[in-house]
Amino acid sequence: MGIVKISDQMHEALRHTSGALSRSINAQAEHWLRVGMLAELNPGLSYREICQLLIQAEGLNAGDDNAAHTHTAHTELRIA
């Protein structure tokens, strides 16, 4: 785990958004980092598609058989 320095403006946006979405500030920052990284690696996907794939990947990681059956054709999703 490391320390990442961010601007006061970004921290304030994280604080407001994390409260609205019932996430910790760190969880909100990690969510935005994951979505941004995936958007850069998969420029053809929309935000909605990225979120759907993250949810499906979480189901697969948890061993959810339904997630494996509902996995979409977006196999090009790359997670570094």
Protein backbone atom coordinates (compact mmCIF):
# COMPACT_ATOMS: atom_id res chain seq x y z
CA MET A 1 0.00 0.00 0.00
CA GLY A 2 1.31 3.42 -0.86
CA ILE A 3 0.40 7.03 -0.44
CA VAL A 4 -0.93 8.97 -3.40
CA LYS A 5 -0.97 12.74 -3.29
CA ILE A 6 -4.02 14.35 -4.86
CA SER A 7 -5.24 17.91 -5.09
CA ASP A 8 -7.52 19.38 -2.46
CA GLN A 9 -10.20 19.74 -5.14
CA MET A 10 -10.05 16.02 -6.00
CA HIS A 11 -10.12 15.08 -2.31
CA GLU A 12 -13.22 17.21 -1.82
CA ALA A 13 -14.91 15.54 -4.82
CA LEU A 14 -14.00 12.12 -3.39
CA ARG A 15 -15.36 13.09 0.02
CA HIS A 16 -18.70 14.29 -1.39
CA THR A 17 -19.12 11.37 -3.79
CA SER A 18 -18.10 8.72 -1.26
CA GLY A 19 -20.69 10.03 1.18
CA ALA A 20 -23.42 10.06 -1.44
CA LEU A 21 -22.61 6.50 -2.54
CA SER A 22 -21.98 5.10 0.96
CA ARG A 23 -18.34 4.27 0.23
CA SER A 24 -15.19 5.14 2.10
CA ILE A 25 -13.04 7.81 0.51
CA ASN A 26 -10.44 5.14 -0.29
CA ALA A 27 -13.06 2.84 -1.84
CA GLN A 28 -14.37 5.70 -4.01
CA ALA A 29 -10.85 6.60 -5.14
CA GLU A 30 -10.12 2.97 -5.98
CA HIS A 31 -13.38 2.71 -7.94
CA TRP A 32 -12.54 5.79 -9.99
CA LEU A 33 -9.01 4.50 -10.58
CA ARG A 34 -10.26 1.11 -11.77
CA VAL A 35 -12.90 2.61 -14.07
CA GLY A 36 -10.43 5.14 -15.49
CA MET A 37 -7.77 2.50 -16.05
CA LEU A 38 -10.24 0.20 -17.80
CA ALA A 39 -11.56 3.07 -19.91
CA GLU A 40 -8.04 3.81 -21.12
CA LEU A 41 -7.29 0.15 -21.84
CA ASN A 42 -10.69 -0.46 -23.51
CA PRO A 43 -11.64 2.79 -25.25
CA GLY A 44 -14.55 1.20 -27.10
CA LEU A 45 -16.49 0.43 -23.91
CA SER A 46 -18.97 2.80 -22.30
CA TYR A 47 -19.01 3.55 -18.57
CA ARG A 48 -22.06 1.32 -18.24
CA GLU A 49 -20.32 -1.58 -19.97
CA ILE A 50 -17.24 -1.19 -17.79
CA CYS A 51 -19.36 -1.22 -14.62
CA GLN A 52 -21.27 -4.28 -15.81
CA LEU A 53 -18.01 -6.11 -16.49
CA LEU A 54 -16.59 -5.14 -13.09
CA ILE A 55 -19.71 -6.54 -11.44
CA GLN A 56 -19.45 -9.74 -13.47
CA ALA A 57 -15.75 -10.08 -12.68
CA GLU A 58 -16.51 -9.70 -8.98
CA GLY A 59 -19.09 -12.47 -9.28
CA LEU A 60 -16.57 -14.70 -11.03
CA ASN A 61 -13.97 -13.96 -8.36
CA ALA A 62 -16.49 -14.90 -5.67
CA GLY A 63 -17.26 -18.19 -7.44
CA ASP A 64 -20.78 -17.15 -8.47
CA ASP A 65 -21.94 -19.62 -11.13
CA ASN A 66 -24.60 -17.18 -12.41
CA ALA A 67 -21.91 -14.62 -13.26
CA ALA A 68 -20.06 -17.22 -15.32
CA HIS A 69 -23.22 -17.97 -17.31
CA THR A 70 -24.07 -14.30 -17.87
CA HIS A 71 -20.56 -13.28 -18.94
CA THR A 72 -20.93 -11.17 -22.07
CA ALA A 73 -18.96 -11.24 -25.28
CA HIS A 74 -16.69 -8.46 -23.95
CA THR A 75 -13.76 -10.81 -23.45
CA GLU A 76 -11.43 -8.04 -24.61
CA LEU A 77 -11.68 -6.43 -21.16
CA ARG A 78 -8.15 -6.04 -19.94
CA ILE A 79 -7.36 -5.53 -16.29
CA ALA A 80 -3.73 -4.77 -15.58
